[in-house]
């Protein structure tokens, strides 16, 4: 694949937006605009860029409108590009241009859906549109192209602000800063140093995922409304409110964001609601509201009830990685025991 081009898949977001009477809106004509932007680079930098093609989704969107069904469609497009059925061409790596608001969610979902991929999938975007003064879009695109040309990178990663982060370890951290993303519980996969992409040894999945791709896309049920809810605890939370969420027949799982290292109110009614949902086969997991550090359910007496209710530990996973993993597992024809086993098993370096 050394001579194969890369593919840029444009999904929308601030990167390609244009001004309108209503504010910024998704823009088109992205291939011409990308080439025009890259043409402004110094000649030696342009000459060292890898060859690439551009494919735009039929309806570029603001990423705040993205849904699990969009994650599924995006993964399917990448899988088709991987095996050559998208346009008859085989690619050495992929760049996904995405809006920053839900970029971390899409990157995490792609990582689960494309488990075992043996080439780079680099997700990027920008805080300002491509043609805007002082935009970060061109720098992020150039970084993504250079990282996606490295065959040692064999996973879904996020290139932003000169840094490369694991997709399932990334969170949007700042609404305006050029380096608007963070990886609270895992080090950087790489960085751009003096204009060159550098991968740090021993941090990638290349050694852990060797072998043929094991994409799970054919097993997916059609994803409509999200089957998983996100419940952030607050002081005085009502057990009745939690019960109403979990008793909904369309809900198949829930992510609980608890306090500290895994604590929740010692409210019998609340714990009964959790235990009832878990007993019905719904997949319940907990992570900490603290952005850094893992949960350790049962370490404190205040967290013992969670373990007794069948709530699984999300360890040090990000909210994005934990919720998309629940969605990923409930979308497949797995029994309850297997879903629980896979949730606590690291699949793509998410925990």
C-alpha atoms as a PDB file:
ATOM      1  CA  UNK A   1       0.000   0.000   0.000  1.00  0.00           C
ATOM      2  CA  UNK A   2       3.031   2.313   0.038  1.00  0.00           C
ATOM      3  CA  UNK A   3       2.120   3.779  -3.352  1.00  0.00           C
ATOM      4  CA  UNK A   4      -1.615   3.995  -2.699  1.00  0.00           C
ATOM      5  CA  UNK A   5      -3.183   7.411  -2.090  1.00  0.00           C
ATOM      6  CA  UNK A   6      -5.007   8.571   1.011  1.00  0.00           C
ATOM      7  CA  UNK A   7      -8.712   9.384   1.129  1.00  0.00           C
ATOM      8  CA  UNK A   8     -10.127  12.540   2.689  1.00  0.00           C
ATOM      9  CA  UNK A   9     -13.727  11.984   3.747  1.00  0.00           C
ATOM     10  CA  UNK A  10     -15.512  15.271   4.361  1.00  0.00           C
ATOM     11  CA  UNK A  11     -18.567  15.098   6.647  1.00  0.00           C
ATOM     12  CA  UNK A  12     -19.118  18.791   7.412  1.00  0.00           C
ATOM     13  CA  UNK A  13     -18.355  20.861  10.484  1.00  0.00           C
ATOM     14  CA  UNK A  14     -16.710  24.238  10.997  1.00  0.00           C
ATOM     15  CA  UNK A  15     -13.787  23.273   8.716  1.00  0.00           C
ATOM     16  CA  UNK A  16     -15.863  23.715   5.559  1.00  0.00           C
ATOM     17  CA  UNK A  17     -18.451  26.207   6.752  1.00  0.00           C
ATOM     18  CA  UNK A  18     -19.317  29.488   5.089  1.00  0.00           C
ATOM     19  CA  UNK A  19     -21.005  32.627   6.373  1.00  0.00           C
ATOM     20  CA  UNK A  20     -24.757  32.997   5.831  1.00  0.00           C
ATOM     21  CA  UNK A  21     -27.512  35.290   7.062  1.00  0.00           C
ATOM     22  CA  UNK A  22     -28.089  32.789   9.863  1.00  0.00           C
ATOM     23  CA  UNK A  23     -24.424  32.457  10.790  1.00  0.00           C
ATOM     24  CA  UNK A  24     -21.994  29.720   9.802  1.00  0.00           C
ATOM     25  CA  UNK A  25     -23.513  26.827   7.814  1.00  0.00           C
ATOM     26  CA  UNK A  26     -21.983  23.705   6.187  1.00  0.00           C
ATOM     27  CA  UNK A  27     -20.407  24.544   2.821  1.00  0.00           C
ATOM     28  CA  UNK A  28     -19.759  22.541  -0.332  1.00  0.00           C
ATOM     29  CA  UNK A  29     -17.195  22.491  -3.153  1.00  0.00           C
ATOM     30  CA  UNK A  30     -14.764  21.092  -0.605  1.00  0.00           C
ATOM     31  CA  UNK A  31     -12.297  19.395  -2.963  1.00  0.00           C
ATOM     32  CA  UNK A  32     -11.483  22.607  -4.826  1.00  0.00           C
ATOM     33  CA  UNK A  33     -11.216  24.529  -1.564  1.00  0.00           C
ATOM     34  CA  UNK A  34      -8.856  21.956  -0.007  1.00  0.00           C
ATOM     35  CA  UNK A  35      -6.544  22.057  -3.016  1.00  0.00           C
ATOM     36  CA  UNK A  36      -6.629  25.866  -3.014  1.00  0.00           C
ATOM     37  CA  UNK A  37      -5.685  25.970   0.668  1.00  0.00           C
ATOM     38  CA  UNK A  38      -2.851  23.465   0.278  1.00  0.00           C
ATOM     39  CA  UNK A  39      -1.525  25.477  -2.674  1.00  0.00           C
ATOM     40  CA  UNK A  40      -0.676  28.284  -0.230  1.00  0.00           C
ATOM     41  CA  UNK A  41       1.905  26.119   1.554  1.00  0.00           C
ATOM     42  CA  UNK A  42       5.596  26.576   0.856  1.00  0.00           C
ATOM     43  CA  UNK A  43       6.673  24.578  -2.234  1.00  0.00           C
ATOM     44  CA  UNK A  44       8.791  22.080  -0.256  1.00  0.00           C
ATOM     45  CA  UNK A  45       5.924  21.369   2.116  1.00  0.00           C
ATOM     46  CA  UNK A  46       3.494  20.881  -0.762  1.00  0.00           C
ATOM     47  CA  UNK A  47       5.893  18.547  -2.524  1.00  0.00           C
ATOM     48  CA  UNK A  48       6.228  16.300   0.531  1.00  0.00           C
ATOM     49  CA  UNK A  49       2.492  15.788   1.017  1.00  0.00           C
ATOM     50  CA  UNK A  50       1.046  12.368   0.134  1.00  0.00           C
ATOM     51  CA  UNK A  51      -1.325  11.916  -2.779  1.00  0.00           C
ATOM     52  CA  UNK A  52      -4.993  11.910  -1.840  1.00  0.00           C
ATOM     53  CA  UNK A  53      -8.543  11.830  -3.130  1.00  0.00           C
ATOM     54  CA  UNK A  54     -11.568  13.613  -1.679  1.00  0.00           C
ATOM     55  CA  UNK A  55     -15.020  12.213  -1.035  1.00  0.00           C
ATOM     56  CA  UNK A  56     -17.784  14.303   0.497  1.00  0.00           C
ATOM     57  CA  UNK A  57     -20.811  12.808   2.213  1.00  0.00           C
ATOM     58  CA  UNK A  58     -24.093  13.549   0.407  1.00  0.00           C
ATOM     59  CA  UNK A  59     -25.265  15.899   3.154  1.00  0.00           C
ATOM     60  CA  UNK A  60     -22.480  17.613   5.118  1.00  0.00           C
ATOM     61  CA  UNK A  61     -23.769  18.531   8.571  1.00  0.00           C
ATOM     62  CA  UNK A  62     -22.957  20.501  11.660  1.00  0.00           C
ATOM     63  CA  UNK A  63     -21.650  17.775  13.964  1.00  0.00           C
ATOM     64  CA  UNK A  64     -24.114  18.751  16.689  1.00  0.00           C
ATOM     65  CA  UNK A  65     -26.733  17.040  14.490  1.00  0.00           C
ATOM     66  CA  UNK A  66     -24.838  13.720  14.334  1.00  0.00           C
ATOM     67  CA  UNK A  67     -26.542  10.552  15.610  1.00  0.00           C
ATOM     68  CA  UNK A  68     -25.526   6.899  16.148  1.00  0.00           C
ATOM     69  CA  UNK A  69     -27.002   6.199  12.716  1.00  0.00           C
ATOM     70  CA  UNK A  70     -24.533   8.713  11.271  1.00  0.00           C
ATOM     71  CA  UNK A  71     -21.670   6.911  13.057  1.00  0.00           C
ATOM     72  CA  UNK A  72     -22.840   3.691  11.443  1.00  0.00           C
ATOM     73  CA  UNK A  73     -23.045   5.264   7.983  1.00  0.00           C
ATOM     74  CA  UNK A  74     -19.604   6.840   8.384  1.00  0.00           C
ATOM     75  CA  UNK A  75     -18.019   3.524   9.384  1.00  0.00           C
ATOM     76  CA  UNK A  76     -19.726   1.814   6.463  1.00  0.00           C
ATOM     77  CA  UNK A  77     -18.302   4.382   4.049  1.00  0.00           C
ATOM     78  CA  UNK A  78     -14.797   3.873   5.432  1.00  0.00           C
ATOM     79  CA  UNK A  79     -15.163   0.098   5.243  1.00  0.00           C
ATOM     80  CA  UNK A  80     -16.246   0.405   1.610  1.00  0.00           C
ATOM     81  CA  UNK A  81     -13.260   2.638   0.872  1.00  0.00           C
ATOM     82  CA  UNK A  82     -11.028   0.121   2.642  1.00  0.00           C
ATOM     83  CA  UNK A  83     -12.057  -2.805   0.434  1.00  0.00           C
ATOM     84  CA  UNK A  84     -12.270  -0.762  -2.767  1.00  0.00           C
ATOM     85  CA  UNK A  85     -16.021  -0.925  -3.206  1.00  0.00           C
ATOM     86  CA  UNK A  86     -16.556   2.817  -2.660  1.00  0.00           C
ATOM     87  CA  UNK A  87     -14.938   4.000  -5.891  1.00  0.00           C
ATOM     88  CA  UNK A  88     -12.771   1.133  -7.104  1.00  0.00           C
ATOM     89  CA  UNK A  89      -9.654   2.567  -5.499  1.00  0.00           C
ATOM     90  CA  UNK A  90      -7.674   1.159  -2.560  1.00  0.00           C
ATOM     91  CA  UNK A  91      -6.305   3.615  -0.029  1.00  0.00           C
ATOM     92  CA  UNK A  92      -3.325   3.512   2.313  1.00  0.00           C
ATOM     93  CA  UNK A  93      -5.067   5.598   4.972  1.00  0.00           C
ATOM     94  CA  UNK A  94      -8.029   7.818   5.696  1.00  0.00           C
ATOM     95  CA  UNK A  95      -8.667  11.346   6.945  1.00  0.00           C
ATOM     96  CA  UNK A  96     -12.124  12.210   8.255  1.00  0.00           C
ATOM     97  CA  UNK A  97     -12.957  15.926   8.401  1.00  0.00           C
ATOM     98  CA  UNK A  98     -15.566  16.352  11.120  1.00  0.00           C
ATOM     99  CA  UNK A  99     -17.145  19.071  13.229  1.00  0.00           C
ATOM    100  CA  UNK A 100     -15.424  19.500  16.582  1.00  0.00           C
ATOM    101  CA  UNK A 101     -18.525  19.448  18.803  1.00  0.00           C
ATOM    102  CA  UNK A 102     -19.055  15.679  18.518  1.00  0.00           C
ATOM    103  CA  UNK A 103     -15.763  14.725  16.907  1.00  0.00           C
ATOM    104  CA  UNK A 104     -14.680  12.689  19.945  1.00  0.00           C
ATOM    105  CA  UNK A 105     -17.949  10.734  19.893  1.00  0.00           C
ATOM    106  CA  UNK A 106     -17.601   9.817  16.224  1.00  0.00           C
ATOM    107  CA  UNK A 107     -13.914   8.929  16.630  1.00  0.00           C
ATOM    108  CA  UNK A 108     -14.712   6.598  19.523  1.00  0.00           C
ATOM    109  CA  UNK A 109     -17.551   4.907  17.648  1.00  0.00           C
ATOM    110  CA  UNK A 110     -15.374   4.461  14.557  1.00  0.00           C
ATOM    111  CA  UNK A 111     -12.672   2.827  16.664  1.00  0.00           C
ATOM    112  CA  UNK A 112     -15.091   0.150  17.906  1.00  0.00           C
ATOM    113  CA  UNK A 113     -16.695  -0.420  14.521  1.00  0.00           C
ATOM    114  CA  UNK A 114     -13.351  -0.651  12.690  1.00  0.00           C
ATOM    115  CA  UNK A 115     -11.593  -2.864  15.233  1.00  0.00           C
ATOM    116  CA  UNK A 116      -8.474  -4.440  13.818  1.00  0.00           C
ATOM    117  CA  UNK A 117      -7.960  -1.958  10.994  1.00  0.00           C
ATOM    118  CA  UNK A 118      -4.397  -2.176   9.730  1.00  0.00           C
ATOM    119  CA  UNK A 119      -3.987   1.378   8.477  1.00  0.00           C
ATOM    120  CA  UNK A 120      -4.523   4.931   9.745  1.00  0.00           C
ATOM    121  CA  UNK A 121      -7.894   6.578  10.245  1.00  0.00           C
ATOM    122  CA  UNK A 122      -7.194  10.161  11.313  1.00  0.00           C
ATOM    123  CA  UNK A 123     -10.096  12.377  12.364  1.00  0.00           C
ATOM    124  CA  UNK A 124      -9.635  16.143  12.315  1.00  0.00           C
ATOM    125  CA  UNK A 125     -11.509  19.405  12.041  1.00  0.00           C
ATOM    126  CA  UNK A 126     -10.998  23.019  13.005  1.00  0.00           C
ATOM    127  CA  UNK A 127     -12.156  25.738  15.347  1.00  0.00           C
ATOM    128  CA  UNK A 128     -12.453  28.218  12.460  1.00  0.00           C
ATOM    129  CA  UNK A 129     -13.491  27.776   8.799  1.00  0.00           C
ATOM    130  CA  UNK A 130     -10.876  26.981   6.161  1.00  0.00           C
ATOM    131  CA  UNK A 131     -10.897  30.418   4.532  1.00  0.00           C
ATOM    132  CA  UNK A 132     -11.262  32.438   7.748  1.00  0.00           C
ATOM    133  CA  UNK A 133      -8.451  34.729   8.846  1.00  0.00           C
ATOM    134  CA  UNK A 134      -6.229  32.994  11.386  1.00  0.00           C
ATOM    135  CA  UNK A 135      -7.902  29.629  10.765  1.00  0.00           C
ATOM    136  CA  UNK A 136      -6.397  26.450  12.191  1.00  0.00           C
ATOM    137  CA  UNK A 137      -8.008  24.331   9.451  1.00  0.00           C
ATOM    138  CA  UNK A 138      -5.040  24.142   7.085  1.00  0.00           C
ATOM    139  CA  UNK A 139      -2.569  23.231   9.843  1.00  0.00           C
ATOM    140  CA  UNK A 140      -4.851  20.472  11.111  1.00  0.00           C
ATOM    141  CA  UNK A 141      -5.430  19.116   7.617  1.00  0.00           C
ATOM    142  CA  UNK A 142      -1.707  19.071   6.841  1.00  0.00           C
ATOM    143  CA  UNK A 143      -0.985  17.277  10.131  1.00  0.00           C
ATOM    144  CA  UNK A 144      -3.731  14.740   9.458  1.00  0.00           C
ATOM    145  CA  UNK A 145      -2.382  14.022   5.970  1.00  0.00           C
ATOM    146  CA  UNK A 146       1.125  13.484   7.278  1.00  0.00           C
ATOM    147  CA  UNK A 147       0.022  11.205  10.122  1.00  0.00           C
ATOM    148  CA  UNK A 148      -2.307   9.238   7.840  1.00  0.00           C
ATOM    149  CA  UNK A 149       0.667   8.467   5.583  1.00  0.00           C
ATOM    150  CA  UNK A 150       2.436   6.551   8.368  1.00  0.00           C
ATOM    151  CA  UNK A 151       1.759   2.804   8.019  1.00  0.00           C
ATOM    152  CA  UNK A 152       2.792   2.229  11.667  1.00  0.00           C
ATOM    153  CA  UNK A 153      -0.388   4.025  12.730  1.00  0.00           C
ATOM    154  CA  UNK A 154      -3.070   1.324  12.748  1.00  0.00           C
ATOM    155  CA  UNK A 155      -6.048   2.716  14.606  1.00  0.00           C
ATOM    156  CA  UNK A 156      -8.507   5.593  14.747  1.00  0.00           C
ATOM    157  CA  UNK A 157      -6.760   8.729  16.003  1.00  0.00           C
ATOM    158  CA  UNK A 158      -7.478  12.456  16.302  1.00  0.00           C
ATOM    159  CA  UNK A 159      -5.049  15.017  14.842  1.00  0.00           C
ATOM    160  CA  UNK A 160      -5.590  18.489  16.206  1.00  0.00           C
ATOM    161  CA  UNK A 161      -3.351  21.365  17.194  1.00  0.00           C
ATOM    162  CA  UNK A 162      -0.182  19.537  16.202  1.00  0.00           C
ATOM    163  CA  UNK A 163      -0.899  16.541  18.449  1.00  0.00           C
ATOM    164  CA  UNK A 164      -2.128  13.021  17.706  1.00  0.00           C
ATOM    165  CA  UNK A 165      -4.398  11.329  20.238  1.00  0.00           C
ATOM    166  CA  UNK A 166      -6.117   7.946  20.400  1.00  0.00           C
ATOM    167  CA  UNK A 167      -9.703   8.331  19.209  1.00  0.00           C
ATOM    168  CA  UNK A 168     -11.238   6.548  22.193  1.00  0.00           C
ATOM    169  CA  UNK A 169      -9.158   8.615  24.625  1.00  0.00           C
ATOM    170  CA  UNK A 170      -9.982  12.059  23.231  1.00  0.00           C
ATOM    171  CA  UNK A 171     -12.306  14.772  24.513  1.00  0.00           C
ATOM    172  CA  UNK A 172     -13.080  18.271  23.324  1.00  0.00           C
ATOM    173  CA  UNK A 173     -11.585  20.455  26.036  1.00  0.00           C
ATOM    174  CA  UNK A 174     -11.862  24.054  24.876  1.00  0.00           C
ATOM    175  CA  UNK A 175     -14.421  25.803  22.710  1.00  0.00           C
ATOM    176  CA  UNK A 176     -11.954  28.195  21.076  1.00  0.00           C
ATOM    177  CA  UNK A 177      -8.312  27.227  21.592  1.00  0.00           C
ATOM    178  CA  UNK A 178      -6.367  25.975  18.593  1.00  0.00           C
ATOM    179  CA  UNK A 179      -5.439  22.898  20.633  1.00  0.00           C
ATOM    180  CA  UNK A 180      -9.022  22.304  21.688  1.00  0.00           C
ATOM    181  CA  UNK A 181      -8.762  18.592  22.549  1.00  0.00           C
ATOM    182  CA  UNK A 182      -7.262  16.609  25.407  1.00  0.00           C
ATOM    183  CA  UNK A 183      -6.554  13.008  26.336  1.00  0.00           C
ATOM    184  CA  UNK A 184      -6.965  12.972  30.131  1.00  0.00           C
ATOM    185  CA  UNK A 185      -5.892   9.402  30.887  1.00  0.00           C
ATOM    186  CA  UNK A 186      -3.577   8.405  28.039  1.00  0.00           C
ATOM    187  CA  UNK A 187      -0.430  10.022  26.594  1.00  0.00           C
ATOM    188  CA  UNK A 188      -0.198  11.442  23.098  1.00  0.00           C
ATOM    189  CA  UNK A 189       0.299   8.975  20.259  1.00  0.00           C
ATOM    190  CA  UNK A 190       2.460  11.507  18.474  1.00  0.00           C
ATOM    191  CA  UNK A 191       3.168  15.128  17.655  1.00  0.00           C
ATOM    192  CA  UNK A 192       4.278  17.276  14.756  1.00  0.00           C
ATOM    193  CA  UNK A 193       7.922  18.207  15.414  1.00  0.00           C
ATOM    194  CA  UNK A 194       9.587  20.754  13.105  1.00  0.00           C
ATOM    195  CA  UNK A 195       6.921  20.053  10.506  1.00  0.00           C
ATOM    196  CA  UNK A 196       7.350  16.272  10.628  1.00  0.00           C
ATOM    197  CA  UNK A 197       4.933  13.716  12.157  1.00  0.00           C
ATOM    198  CA  UNK A 198       6.467  11.722  14.994  1.00  0.00           C
ATOM    199  CA  UNK A 199       4.834   8.639  16.553  1.00  0.00           C
ATOM    200  CA  UNK A 200       5.906   7.751  20.080  1.00  0.00           C
ATOM    201  CA  UNK A 201       7.014   4.090  20.394  1.00  0.00           C
ATOM    202  CA  UNK A 202       4.903   1.644  22.343  1.00  0.00           C
ATOM    203  CA  UNK A 203       1.762   3.777  22.526  1.00  0.00           C
ATOM    204  CA  UNK A 204      -0.092   2.621  19.410  1.00  0.00           C
ATOM    205  CA  UNK A 205      -2.277  -0.380  18.686  1.00  0.00           C
ATOM    206  CA  UNK A 206      -0.180  -1.679  15.786  1.00  0.00           C
ATOM    207  CA  UNK A 207       1.370  -4.477  17.872  1.00  0.00           C
ATOM    208  CA  UNK A 208      -1.880  -5.294  19.655  1.00  0.00           C
ATOM    209  CA  UNK A 209      -4.161  -5.535  16.609  1.00  0.00           C
ATOM    210  CA  UNK A 210      -2.010  -7.478  14.172  1.00  0.00           C
ATOM    211  CA  UNK A 211      -3.984  -9.697  11.843  1.00  0.00           C
ATOM    212  CA  UNK A 212      -6.830  -9.276   9.408  1.00  0.00           C
ATOM    213  CA  UNK A 213      -9.471  -6.640  10.091  1.00  0.00           C
ATOM    214  CA  UNK A 214     -12.401  -7.876  12.119  1.00  0.00           C
ATOM    215  CA  UNK A 215     -14.909  -5.174  11.330  1.00  0.00           C
ATOM    216  CA  UNK A 216     -18.196  -5.915  13.080  1.00  0.00           C
ATOM    217  CA  UNK A 217     -20.362  -3.852  10.759  1.00  0.00           C
ATOM    218  CA  UNK A 218     -22.277  -6.777   9.163  1.00  0.00           C
ATOM    219  CA  UNK A 219     -23.608  -7.773  12.607  1.00  0.00           C
ATOM    220  CA  UNK A 220     -25.064  -4.365  13.390  1.00  0.00           C
ATOM    221  CA  UNK A 221     -28.766  -3.810  13.820  1.00  0.00           C
ATOM    222  CA  UNK A 222     -30.042  -0.634  12.208  1.00  0.00           C
ATOM    223  CA  UNK A 223     -29.367   2.231  14.599  1.00  0.00           C
ATOM    224  CA  UNK A 224     -32.135   4.765  14.963  1.00  0.00           C
ATOM    225  CA  UNK A 225     -32.692   6.656  18.198  1.00  0.00           C
ATOM    226  CA  UNK A 226     -29.856   6.077  20.668  1.00  0.00           C
ATOM    227  CA  UNK A 227     -30.678   2.991  22.792  1.00  0.00           C
ATOM    228  CA  UNK A 228     -28.443   4.199  25.635  1.00  0.00           C
ATOM    229  CA  UNK A 229     -29.059   7.050  28.091  1.00  0.00           C
ATOM    230  CA  UNK A 230     -26.515   9.144  29.977  1.00  0.00           C
ATOM    231  CA  UNK A 231     -27.314   9.908  33.614  1.00  0.00           C
ATOM    232  CA  UNK A 232     -25.105  12.390  35.441  1.00  0.00           C
ATOM    233  CA  UNK A 233     -25.693  12.218  39.184  1.00  0.00           C
ATOM    234  CA  UNK A 234     -26.288  15.387  41.162  1.00  0.00           C
ATOM    235  CA  UNK A 235     -26.927  15.941  44.884  1.00  0.00           C
ATOM    236  CA  UNK A 236     -30.581  15.178  45.554  1.00  0.00           C
ATOM    237  CA  UNK A 237     -31.182  13.200  42.354  1.00  0.00           C
ATOM    238  CA  UNK A 238     -34.606  11.564  42.367  1.00  0.00           C
ATOM    239  CA  UNK A 239     -34.810   7.770  42.304  1.00  0.00           C
ATOM    240  CA  UNK A 240     -38.207   8.056  40.604  1.00  0.00           C
ATOM    241  CA  UNK A 241     -36.702  10.087  37.774  1.00  0.00           C
ATOM    242  CA  UNK A 242     -33.932   7.524  37.231  1.00  0.00           C
ATOM    243  CA  UNK A 243     -36.503   4.722  37.295  1.00  0.00           C
ATOM    244  CA  UNK A 244     -38.592   6.413  34.598  1.00  0.00           C
ATOM    245  CA  UNK A 245     -35.549   6.626  32.329  1.00  0.00           C
ATOM    246  CA  UNK A 246     -34.580   3.014  32.856  1.00  0.00           C
ATOM    247  CA  UNK A 247     -38.096   1.571  32.634  1.00  0.00           C
ATOM    248  CA  UNK A 248     -38.454   2.831  29.049  1.00  0.00           C
ATOM    249  CA  UNK A 249     -38.606  -0.285  26.860  1.00  0.00           C
ATOM    250  CA  UNK A 250     -36.482   1.372  24.158  1.00  0.00           C
ATOM    251  CA  UNK A 251     -33.577   1.891  26.572  1.00  0.00           C
ATOM    252  CA  UNK A 252     -31.058  -0.956  26.417  1.00  0.00           C
ATOM    253  CA  UNK A 253     -28.291   0.555  28.496  1.00  0.00           C
ATOM    254  CA  UNK A 254     -27.216   3.498  30.607  1.00  0.00           C
ATOM    255  CA  UNK A 255     -23.997   5.307  31.410  1.00  0.00           C
ATOM    256  CA  UNK A 256     -23.909   6.621  34.975  1.00  0.00           C
ATOM    257  CA  UNK A 257     -21.508   9.437  35.778  1.00  0.00           C
ATOM    258  CA  UNK A 258     -20.915   9.051  39.486  1.00  0.00           C
ATOM    259  CA  UNK A 259     -18.799  10.888  42.040  1.00  0.00           C
ATOM    260  CA  UNK A 260     -15.144  10.442  42.824  1.00  0.00           C
ATOM    261  CA  UNK A 261     -13.830   6.917  42.463  1.00  0.00           C
ATOM    262  CA  UNK A 262     -17.283   5.366  42.169  1.00  0.00           C
ATOM    263  CA  UNK A 263     -19.757   6.705  44.724  1.00  0.00           C
ATOM    264  CA  UNK A 264     -23.489   7.319  44.595  1.00  0.00           C
ATOM    265  CA  UNK A 265     -26.254   8.093  47.100  1.00  0.00           C
ATOM    266  CA  UNK A 266     -27.088   5.191  49.431  1.00  0.00           C
ATOM    267  CA  UNK A 267     -30.741   5.506  48.444  1.00  0.00           C
ATOM    268  CA  UNK A 268     -32.459   2.083  48.430  1.00  0.00           C
ATOM    269  CA  UNK A 269     -34.998   3.223  45.836  1.00  0.00           C
ATOM    270  CA  UNK A 270     -32.265   4.440  43.492  1.00  0.00           C
ATOM    271  CA  UNK A 271     -30.244   1.242  43.851  1.00  0.00           C
ATOM    272  CA  UNK A 272     -33.402  -0.817  43.358  1.00  0.00           C
ATOM    273  CA  UNK A 273     -34.078   0.992  40.077  1.00  0.00           C
ATOM    274  CA  UNK A 274     -30.538   0.242  38.893  1.00  0.00           C
ATOM    275  CA  UNK A 275     -30.708  -3.385  39.995  1.00  0.00           C
ATOM    276  CA  UNK A 276     -34.083  -3.831  38.284  1.00  0.00           C
ATOM    277  CA  UNK A 277     -32.763  -2.509  34.975  1.00  0.00           C
ATOM    278  CA  UNK A 278     -29.632  -4.646  35.220  1.00  0.00           C
ATOM    279  CA  UNK A 279     -31.754  -7.699  36.027  1.00  0.00           C
ATOM    280  CA  UNK A 280     -33.764  -7.092  32.861  1.00  0.00           C
ATOM    281  CA  UNK A 281     -30.558  -7.399  30.830  1.00  0.00           C
ATOM    282  CA  UNK A 282     -29.921  -3.700  30.346  1.00  0.00           C
ATOM    283  CA  UNK A 283     -26.248  -2.814  30.191  1.00  0.00           C
ATOM    284  CA  UNK A 284     -25.350  -0.364  32.967  1.00  0.00           C
ATOM    285  CA  UNK A 285     -21.884   1.103  33.470  1.00  0.00           C
ATOM    286  CA  UNK A 286     -20.353   3.837  35.594  1.00  0.00           C
ATOM    287  CA  UNK A 287     -17.521   6.296  35.123  1.00  0.00           C
ATOM    288  CA  UNK A 288     -16.341   9.163  37.298  1.00  0.00           C
ATOM    289  CA  UNK A 289     -17.418  12.755  36.839  1.00  0.00           C
ATOM    290  CA  UNK A 290     -13.754  13.624  37.421  1.00  0.00           C
ATOM    291  CA  UNK A 291     -12.025  13.942  34.033  1.00  0.00           C
ATOM    292  CA  UNK A 292      -8.882  12.195  35.279  1.00  0.00           C
ATOM    293  CA  UNK A 293      -8.536   8.923  37.147  1.00  0.00           C
ATOM    294  CA  UNK A 294     -10.588   5.701  37.141  1.00  0.00           C
ATOM    295  CA  UNK A 295     -13.619   4.553  39.071  1.00  0.00           C
ATOM    296  CA  UNK A 296     -13.163   1.684  41.506  1.00  0.00           C
ATOM    297  CA  UNK A 297     -16.674   0.555  42.306  1.00  0.00           C
ATOM    298  CA  UNK A 298     -16.967  -0.798  45.825  1.00  0.00           C
ATOM    299  CA  UNK A 299     -13.781   0.811  47.174  1.00  0.00           C
ATOM    300  CA  UNK A 300     -16.009   3.019  49.361  1.00  0.00           C
ATOM    301  CA  UNK A 301     -19.145   1.884  51.147  1.00  0.00           C
ATOM    302  CA  UNK A 302     -21.038   4.561  49.178  1.00  0.00           C
ATOM    303  CA  UNK A 303     -20.214   2.692  45.984  1.00  0.00           C
ATOM    304  CA  UNK A 304     -20.936  -0.841  47.164  1.00  0.00           C
ATOM    305  CA  UNK A 305     -24.563  -0.525  46.103  1.00  0.00           C
ATOM    306  CA  UNK A 306     -23.545   0.058  42.484  1.00  0.00           C
ATOM    307  CA  UNK A 307     -21.655  -3.214  42.380  1.00  0.00           C
ATOM    308  CA  UNK A 308     -24.511  -5.072  44.054  1.00  0.00           C
ATOM    309  CA  UNK A 309     -26.886  -3.595  41.437  1.00  0.00           C
ATOM    310  CA  UNK A 310     -24.820  -5.075  38.607  1.00  0.00           C
ATOM    311  CA  UNK A 311     -23.341  -1.786  37.408  1.00  0.00           C
ATOM    312  CA  UNK A 312     -20.083  -2.315  35.500  1.00  0.00           C
ATOM    313  CA  UNK A 313     -16.942  -0.271  36.012  1.00  0.00           C
ATOM    314  CA  UNK A 314     -15.946   2.010  33.145  1.00  0.00           C
ATOM    315  CA  UNK A 315     -12.438   2.321  34.626  1.00  0.00           C
ATOM    316  CA  UNK A 316     -10.818   5.510  33.268  1.00  0.00           C
ATOM    317  CA  UNK A 317     -12.842   5.722  30.058  1.00  0.00           C
ATOM    318  CA  UNK A 318     -14.031   9.060  28.733  1.00  0.00           C
ATOM    319  CA  UNK A 319     -17.808   9.656  28.636  1.00  0.00           C
ATOM    320  CA  UNK A 320     -17.630   9.567  24.838  1.00  0.00           C
ATOM    321  CA  UNK A 321     -15.784   6.248  24.763  1.00  0.00           C
ATOM    322  CA  UNK A 322     -17.991   4.647  27.414  1.00  0.00           C
ATOM    323  CA  UNK A 323     -21.322   5.665  25.895  1.00  0.00           C
ATOM    324  CA  UNK A 324     -20.364   4.782  22.321  1.00  0.00           C
ATOM    325  CA  UNK A 325     -19.118   1.408  23.546  1.00  0.00           C
ATOM    326  CA  UNK A 326     -22.505   0.741  25.140  1.00  0.00           C
ATOM    327  CA  UNK A 327     -24.184   1.726  21.872  1.00  0.00           C
ATOM    328  CA  UNK A 328     -21.738  -0.468  19.949  1.00  0.00           C
ATOM    329  CA  UNK A 329     -22.453  -3.535  22.093  1.00  0.00           C
ATOM    330  CA  UNK A 330     -26.235  -3.118  22.148  1.00  0.00           C
ATOM    331  CA  UNK A 331     -26.238  -2.841  18.347  1.00  0.00           C
ATOM    332  CA  UNK A 332     -24.955  -6.395  17.972  1.00  0.00           C
ATOM    333  CA  UNK A 333     -26.677  -9.783  18.428  1.00  0.00           C
ATOM    334  CA  UNK A 334     -24.907 -10.618  21.703  1.00  0.00           C
ATOM    335  CA  UNK A 335     -26.341 -12.160  24.851  1.00  0.00           C
ATOM    336  CA  UNK A 336     -26.236 -10.228  28.108  1.00  0.00           C
ATOM    337  CA  UNK A 337     -23.228 -12.088  29.512  1.00  0.00           C
ATOM    338  CA  UNK A 338     -21.160 -11.447  26.374  1.00  0.00           C
ATOM    339  CA  UNK A 339     -22.081  -7.779  26.296  1.00  0.00           C
ATOM    340  CA  UNK A 340     -20.973  -7.430  29.913  1.00  0.00           C
ATOM    341  CA  UNK A 341     -17.738  -9.306  29.234  1.00  0.00           C
ATOM    342  CA  UNK A 342     -16.871  -7.158  26.254  1.00  0.00           C
ATOM    343  CA  UNK A 343     -17.619  -3.939  28.082  1.00  0.00           C
ATOM    344  CA  UNK A 344     -15.014  -4.635  30.757  1.00  0.00           C
ATOM    345  CA  UNK A 345     -12.522  -5.927  28.161  1.00  0.00           C
ATOM    346  CA  UNK A 346     -10.273  -3.370  26.389  1.00  0.00           C
ATOM    347  CA  UNK A 347     -11.192  -3.604  22.702  1.00  0.00           C
ATOM    348  CA  UNK A 348      -9.248  -0.705  21.162  1.00  0.00           C
ATOM    349  CA  UNK A 349      -7.233   0.736  24.035  1.00  0.00           C
ATOM    350  CA  UNK A 350     -10.186   2.600  25.520  1.00  0.00           C
ATOM    351  CA  UNK A 351      -9.460   1.490  29.107  1.00  0.00           C
END
